Amino acid sequence: MRSTAEAKGRNPRLAEAMVDQDIKIDSSIKKDGKVLTFTLEEAIKYGFCEAEAKNIEEILAINKIKEYKLSRFSLSWTEVLISKFLNPYVSSILILIMLGGIYYELQSPGIGFPLIAAILAAICYFMPYYLNGLAANWEIILFLVGIILIGLELFVIPGFGITGITGIAFFCIALVLMMLNNIGLDFDLVNSGSIKAALLAVSFGVICSLGLVIFTGGRIADGRMFKKMALHQVIKQENEAGTANPKTISRNSLLGQFAIAFTDLKPGGKIFFEDQVIEAVSIGEYINKDEKILILDFEMGTAKVKKA
């Protein structure tokens, strides 16, 4: 502090008192046992500040700079929009829409708009982080691998084991890493606050999506909007001879009835009931073709079943 003050033409004793509380100087300037601090006026008075400037123009005038071009930076509307999507709270909502959309699409095949909502939410989640340089290609690939593993567990591999758990882990880890300014596996530039915010955002989105599935699945399925868009009755198009013979089956006539798995249910597939083929989803288990099943519910054109 002394050498720097001397090089700049400042009082070296006052400079040293700013970092050493034991330096004794005029009591009107510094109290004993305290480091020296200045207000703006005091800094100007004792030569530690040249002048006061309230804006860039005043700084230029004080330094007698007359020929200059002043360029003011402002964010474009796209940059403002991207910054909004980089907010952890917005990221949580997008994760909620992604997971919720995928779940309702699996539960109600053919509706379409839950899947569209999930895809749009994924784009709104990934694109800002990718354009901002946070989401690396390998992190996006990790996310896609997680989705593929979860899909394999649901539709190909019976039960739920290491493949599904690994897929969920990859899915969540990728979402967290995309929000961090890491370089590969180097986290030296990432502060603990950013890590906590990313973990909270992903955890909040995942937990809320689970809550949505548990507490509102049935209510949404019975809502007016879904009922208008979904088929609640199965219509038989042909009889055994192959001629048209329309026939309807009501929800009440299916509940509690036994049927046969027309295809493998993993968990989606088809069942055979009273010489008709019906779309079905098994509840938490893999069911092989030709196994006897019990119909638990029927809504939006799809039966929910389990092994008899």
Protein backbone atom coordinates (compact mmCIF):
# COMPACT_ATOMS: atom_id res chain seq x y z
CA MET A 1 0.00 0.00 0.00
CA ARG A 2 2.86 2.39 0.80
CA SER A 3 4.70 1.73 -2.47
CA THR A 4 1.55 1.98 -4.56
CA ALA A 5 0.57 5.28 -2.88
CA GLU A 6 4.04 6.73 -3.45
CA ALA A 7 3.97 5.71 -7.12
CA LYS A 8 0.62 7.48 -7.54
CA GLY A 9 1.55 10.58 -5.55
CA ARG A 10 -0.71 9.75 -2.61
CA ASN A 11 0.04 9.96 1.10
CA PRO A 12 1.74 6.60 1.93
CA ARG A 13 0.92 6.88 5.65
CA LEU A 14 -2.81 7.22 4.97
CA ALA A 15 -2.67 4.34 2.47
CA GLU A 16 -1.06 2.06 5.04
CA ALA A 17 -3.69 3.03 7.64
CA MET A 18 -6.37 1.72 5.28
CA VAL A 19 -5.12 -1.86 5.83
CA ASP A 20 -3.40 -1.67 9.24
CA GLN A 21 -5.54 -0.74 12.24
CA ASP A 22 -2.47 -0.17 14.44
CA ILE A 23 -1.19 2.80 12.39
CA LYS A 24 -1.63 5.98 14.40
CA ILE A 25 -2.53 9.18 12.60
CA ASP A 26 -4.61 12.30 13.29
CA SER A 27 -7.57 11.28 15.48
CA SER A 28 -9.84 13.54 13.41
CA ILE A 29 -9.21 11.26 10.44
CA LYS A 30 -8.94 7.79 12.03
CA LYS A 31 -9.99 6.24 15.34
CA ASP A 32 -7.48 4.07 17.20
CA GLY A 33 -7.92 0.35 16.57
CA LYS A 34 -9.85 0.93 13.33
CA VAL A 35 -8.70 0.88 9.72
CA LEU A 36 -8.98 4.16 7.86
CA THR A 37 -11.99 4.71 5.61
CA PHE A 38 -12.96 7.80 3.60
CA THR A 39 -16.22 9.26 2.43
CA LEU A 40 -16.24 10.66 -1.10
CA GLU A 41 -15.63 14.18 0.14
CA GLU A 42 -12.80 13.05 2.41
CA ALA A 43 -11.17 11.05 -0.38
CA ILE A 44 -11.15 14.16 -2.60
CA LYS A 45 -9.89 16.35 0.27
CA TYR A 46 -6.92 14.08 1.11
CA GLY A 47 -5.99 13.35 -2.48
CA PHE A 48 -7.22 9.76 -2.74
CA CYS A 49 -9.88 10.63 -5.31
CA GLU A 50 -9.53 13.02 -8.24
CA ALA A 51 -13.14 14.15 -8.67
CA GLU A 52 -16.77 13.16 -8.53
CA ALA A 53 -18.56 12.15 -11.73
CA LYS A 54 -22.21 11.14 -11.94
CA ASN A 55 -22.14 9.76 -15.47
CA ILE A 56 -19.85 8.84 -18.37
CA GLU A 57 -20.12 12.29 -19.94
CA GLU A 58 -18.81 13.94 -16.75
CA ILE A 59 -15.89 11.48 -16.65
CA LEU A 60 -14.97 12.45 -20.21
CA ALA A 61 -15.27 16.17 -19.37
CA ILE A 62 -13.07 15.84 -16.27
CA ASN A 63 -10.40 14.10 -18.37
CA LYS A 64 -10.82 16.78 -21.09
CA ILE A 65 -11.72 14.22 -23.74
CA LYS A 66 -13.77 15.95 -26.43
CA GLU A 67 -13.56 13.74 -29.52
CA TYR A 68 -15.26 10.47 -28.78
CA LYS A 69 -18.11 8.19 -29.86
CA LEU A 70 -20.29 6.80 -27.07
CA SER A 71 -21.91 3.42 -27.82
CA ARG A 72 -24.53 2.17 -25.39
CA PHE A 73 -25.13 -1.59 -25.15
CA SER A 74 -28.63 -3.01 -24.74
CA LEU A 75 -29.93 -6.56 -24.92
CA SER A 76 -31.96 -7.55 -27.97
CA TRP A 77 -35.44 -8.99 -27.43
CA THR A 78 -34.11 -12.48 -28.18
CA GLU A 79 -31.39 -12.09 -25.53
CA VAL A 80 -33.97 -10.82 -23.04
CA LEU A 81 -36.17 -13.83 -23.82
CA ILE A 82 -33.24 -16.24 -23.43
CA SER A 83 -32.35 -14.68 -20.07
CA LYS A 84 -35.91 -15.32 -18.86
CA PHE A 85 -35.66 -19.01 -19.72
CA LEU A 86 -32.31 -19.25 -17.91
CA ASN A 87 -34.12 -18.49 -14.65
CA PRO A 88 -34.04 -21.64 -12.42
CA TYR A 89 -37.72 -21.18 -11.54
CA VAL A 90 -38.68 -21.19 -15.23
CA SER A 91 -36.45 -24.25 -15.75
CA SER A 92 -38.38 -26.06 -12.99
CA ILE A 93 -41.69 -25.35 -14.72
CA LEU A 94 -40.31 -26.55 -18.06
CA ILE A 95 -39.11 -29.81 -16.45
CA LEU A 96 -42.57 -30.24 -14.94
CA ILE A 97 -44.20 -29.79 -18.37
CA MET A 98 -41.72 -32.20 -20.00
CA LEU A 99 -42.31 -35.02 -17.52
CA GLY A 100 -46.04 -34.40 -17.21
CA GLY A 101 -46.50 -34.31 -20.97
CA ILE A 102 -44.62 -37.58 -21.46
CA TYR A 103 -46.64 -39.28 -18.71
CA TYR A 104 -50.05 -38.20 -20.04
CA GLU A 105 -49.08 -39.16 -23.57
CA LEU A 106 -48.14 -42.66 -22.39
CA GLN A 107 -51.37 -42.91 -20.42
CA SER A 108 -53.52 -41.64 -23.28
CA PRO A 109 -52.01 -42.72 -26.61
CA GLY A 110 -53.19 -40.77 -29.62
CA ILE A 111 -54.13 -37.45 -27.97
CA GLY A 112 -50.93 -35.80 -29.17
CA PHE A 113 -50.89 -32.44 -27.44
CA PRO A 114 -49.25 -33.65 -24.16
CA LEU A 115 -46.34 -34.91 -26.24
CA ILE A 116 -46.25 -31.66 -28.22
CA ALA A 117 -46.18 -29.70 -24.94
CA ALA A 118 -43.33 -31.90 -23.67
CA ILE A 119 -41.31 -31.37 -26.87
CA LEU A 120 -41.84 -27.59 -26.81
CA ALA A 121 -40.85 -27.48 -23.12
CA ALA A 122 -37.69 -29.47 -23.90
CA ILE A 123 -36.77 -27.04 -26.70
CA CYS A 124 -37.38 -24.04 -24.43
CA TYR A 125 -35.22 -25.70 -21.75
CA PHE A 126 -32.28 -26.80 -23.91
CA MET A 127 -32.03 -23.98 -26.45
CA PRO A 128 -31.30 -21.05 -24.09
CA TYR A 129 -28.63 -23.00 -22.21
CA TYR A 130 -27.10 -24.20 -25.49
CA LEU A 131 -27.05 -20.71 -27.04
CA ASN A 132 -25.61 -19.29 -23.83
CA GLY A 133 -22.74 -21.82 -23.93
CA LEU A 134 -23.80 -23.71 -20.79
CA ALA A 135 -25.23 -26.87 -22.36
CA ALA A 136 -22.49 -28.87 -24.07
CA ASN A 137 -23.14 -31.45 -26.78
CA TRP A 138 -22.15 -34.34 -24.51
CA GLU A 139 -24.66 -33.19 -21.88
CA ILE A 140 -27.47 -33.24 -24.45
CA ILE A 141 -26.33 -36.69 -25.58
CA LEU A 142 -26.37 -37.84 -21.94
CA PHE A 143 -29.97 -36.61 -21.66
CA LEU A 144 -30.99 -38.46 -24.84
CA VAL A 145 -29.30 -41.65 -23.63
CA GLY A 146 -31.29 -41.35 -20.40
CA ILE A 147 -34.54 -41.01 -22.36
CA ILE A 148 -33.63 -44.05 -24.51
CA LEU A 149 -32.83 -46.18 -21.44
CA ILE A 150 -36.11 -45.21 -19.79
CA GLY A 151 -37.95 -46.08 -23.02
CA LEU A 152 -36.22 -49.46 -23.20
CA GLU A 153 -37.19 -50.16 -19.61
CA LEU A 154 -40.83 -49.25 -20.27
CA PHE A 155 -41.40 -50.84 -23.65
CA VAL A 156 -38.79 -53.57 -24.14
CA ILE A 157 -37.33 -54.88 -20.89
CA PRO A 158 -39.76 -56.51 -18.42
CA GLY A 159 -40.03 -55.05 -14.93
CA PHE A 160 -38.08 -52.05 -13.71
CA GLY A 161 -34.39 -52.46 -12.89
CA ILE A 162 -30.91 -51.15 -13.54
CA THR A 163 -31.73 -49.87 -17.03
CA GLY A 164 -34.55 -47.67 -15.82
CA ILE A 165 -32.62 -46.43 -12.77
CA THR A 166 -29.60 -45.59 -14.94
CA GLY A 167 -31.85 -43.78 -17.42
CA ILE A 168 -33.44 -41.67 -14.69
CA ALA A 169 -29.98 -40.87 -13.26
CA PHE A 170 -28.64 -39.80 -16.68
CA PHE A 171 -31.81 -37.75 -17.27
CA CYS A 172 -31.53 -35.81 -13.99
CA ILE A 173 -27.72 -35.40 -14.10
CA ALA A 174 -27.91 -34.00 -17.65
CA LEU A 175 -30.58 -31.47 -16.62
CA VAL A 176 -28.39 -30.28 -13.74
CA LEU A 177 -25.16 -30.09 -15.77
CA MET A 178 -26.83 -28.02 -18.49
CA MET A 179 -27.44 -25.27 -15.95
CA LEU A 180 -23.79 -25.12 -14.80
CA ASN A 181 -20.77 -23.36 -16.31
CA ASN A 182 -18.62 -26.48 -16.15
CA ILE A 183 -16.02 -27.46 -18.74
CA GLY A 184 -16.36 -31.20 -19.17
CA LEU A 185 -15.96 -32.61 -15.67
CA ASP A 186 -14.02 -29.54 -14.50
CA PHE A 187 -16.15 -27.56 -12.03
CA ASP A 188 -13.51 -25.03 -10.94
CA LEU A 189 -15.48 -22.15 -12.52
CA VAL A 190 -18.76 -23.24 -10.92
CA ASN A 191 -19.67 -21.72 -7.56
CA SER A 192 -21.62 -23.61 -4.92
CA GLY A 193 -24.62 -21.27 -5.29
CA SER A 194 -25.07 -22.25 -8.94
CA ILE A 195 -24.89 -25.95 -8.06
CA LYS A 196 -27.50 -25.55 -5.32
CA ALA A 197 -29.80 -23.57 -7.64
CA ALA A 198 -29.51 -26.22 -10.38
CA LEU A 199 -30.17 -29.10 -7.97
CA LEU A 200 -33.16 -27.30 -6.46
CA ALA A 201 -34.60 -26.45 -9.89
CA VAL A 202 -34.37 -30.04 -11.17
CA SER A 203 -35.56 -31.55 -7.87
CA PHE A 204 -38.52 -29.16 -7.75
CA GLY A 205 -39.53 -29.99 -11.32
CA VAL A 206 -39.26 -33.76 -10.81
CA ILE A 207 -41.06 -33.77 -7.45
CA CYS A 208 -43.87 -31.52 -8.74
CA SER A 209 -44.32 -33.74 -11.80
CA LEU A 210 -44.63 -36.79 -9.54
CA GLY A 211 -47.16 -34.91 -7.43
CA LEU A 212 -49.08 -33.96 -10.56
CA VAL A 213 -49.20 -37.59 -11.68
CA ILE A 214 -50.30 -38.85 -8.26
CA PHE A 215 -52.89 -36.25 -7.32
CA THR A 216 -54.32 -34.98 -10.61
CA GLY A 217 -54.03 -37.88 -13.05
CA GLY A 218 -57.57 -39.08 -12.58
CA ARG A 219 -59.07 -35.58 -12.37
CA ILE A 220 -57.46 -34.45 -15.61
CA ALA A 221 -58.48 -37.62 -17.38
CA ASP A 222 -62.10 -37.03 -16.34
CA GLY A 223 -62.03 -33.36 -17.30
CA ARG A 224 -64.32 -31.93 -19.97
CA MET A 225 -61.46 -30.98 -22.27
CA PHE A 226 -60.04 -34.52 -22.35
CA LYS A 227 -63.47 -36.09 -22.70
CA LYS A 228 -64.15 -34.02 -25.81
CA MET A 229 -60.85 -35.12 -27.36
CA ALA A 230 -60.77 -38.78 -26.31
CA LEU A 231 -62.77 -41.83 -27.31
CA HIS A 232 -64.53 -43.32 -24.30
CA GLN A 233 -66.14 -46.21 -26.10
CA VAL A 234 -64.66 -49.04 -28.14
CA ILE A 235 -66.41 -49.61 -31.46
CA LYS A 236 -66.22 -52.98 -33.16
CA GLN A 237 -65.77 -52.41 -36.88
CA GLU A 238 -66.08 -55.94 -38.22
CA ASN A 239 -67.65 -59.21 -37.20
CA GLU A 240 -66.12 -62.64 -37.73
CA ALA A 241 -67.23 -62.68 -41.35
CA GLY A 242 -65.46 -59.37 -41.95
CA THR A 243 -68.62 -57.30 -42.54
CA ALA A 244 -69.36 -54.05 -40.79
CA ASN A 245 -71.12 -54.57 -37.48
CA PRO A 246 -70.68 -51.52 -35.18
CA LYS A 247 -70.83 -52.31 -31.50
CA THR A 248 -70.01 -50.19 -28.46
CA ILE A 249 -68.74 -51.13 -25.05
CA SER A 250 -69.31 -48.75 -22.17
CA ARG A 251 -66.84 -48.05 -19.39
CA ASN A 252 -69.05 -49.73 -16.78
CA SER A 253 -69.27 -52.93 -18.80
CA LEU A 254 -65.45 -53.24 -18.77
CA LEU A 255 -64.67 -52.51 -15.11
CA GLY A 256 -63.70 -55.63 -13.17
CA GLN A 257 -63.90 -57.89 -16.23
CA PHE A 258 -61.29 -60.41 -17.30
CA ALA A 259 -59.63 -60.34 -20.73
CA ILE A 260 -56.65 -61.76 -22.59
CA ALA A 261 -53.47 -59.87 -23.57
CA PHE A 262 -53.62 -59.60 -27.36
CA THR A 263 -50.02 -58.29 -27.44
CA ASP A 264 -47.25 -57.87 -24.90
CA LEU A 265 -48.04 -55.01 -22.50
CA LYS A 266 -44.81 -53.13 -21.70
CA PRO A 267 -46.72 -51.18 -20.44
CA GLY A 268 -48.77 -50.22 -23.52
CA GLY A 269 -50.35 -52.72 -25.86
CA LYS A 270 -53.70 -54.32 -26.75
CA ILE A 271 -56.09 -56.71 -25.04
CA PHE A 272 -58.82 -59.01 -26.35
CA PHE A 273 -62.27 -58.69 -24.75
CA GLU A 274 -65.48 -60.22 -26.09
CA ASP A 275 -64.00 -60.67 -29.59
CA GLN A 276 -62.79 -57.05 -29.67
CA VAL A 277 -59.27 -55.60 -29.53
CA ILE A 278 -58.87 -52.70 -27.11
CA GLU A 279 -55.94 -50.39 -26.36
CA ALA A 280 -54.57 -51.03 -22.86
CA VAL A 281 -51.83 -50.04 -20.40
CA SER A 282 -50.59 -52.31 -17.63
CA ILE A 283 -50.16 -50.90 -14.13
CA GLY A 284 -46.53 -51.28 -13.08
CA GLU A 285 -45.77 -54.68 -14.57
CA TYR A 286 -44.85 -56.45 -17.79
CA ILE A 287 -47.58 -58.71 -19.17
CA ASN A 288 -46.92 -61.30 -21.85
CA LYS A 289 -49.17 -61.98 -24.79
CA ASP A 290 -52.07 -64.42 -24.10
CA GLU A 291 -51.89 -63.89 -20.32
CA LYS A 292 -55.17 -63.42 -18.47
CA ILE A 293 -55.63 -59.89 -17.21
CA LEU A 294 -58.09 -57.91 -15.07
CA ILE A 295 -59.53 -54.59 -16.31
CA LEU A 296 -59.23 -51.95 -13.57
CA ASP A 297 -60.41 -48.87 -15.42
CA PHE A 298 -61.30 -47.56 -18.88
CA GLU A 299 -60.91 -43.93 -19.84
CA MET A 300 -59.99 -41.95 -22.92
CA GLY A 301 -60.16 -45.06 -25.10
CA THR A 302 -57.58 -47.01 -23.09
CA ALA A 303 -58.07 -49.75 -20.50
CA LYS A 304 -55.88 -49.89 -17.41
CA VAL A 305 -55.14 -53.52 -16.52
CA LYS A 306 -53.06 -55.84 -14.34
CA LYS A 307 -52.36 -59.55 -14.28
CA ALA A 308 -55.37 -61.57 -13.16
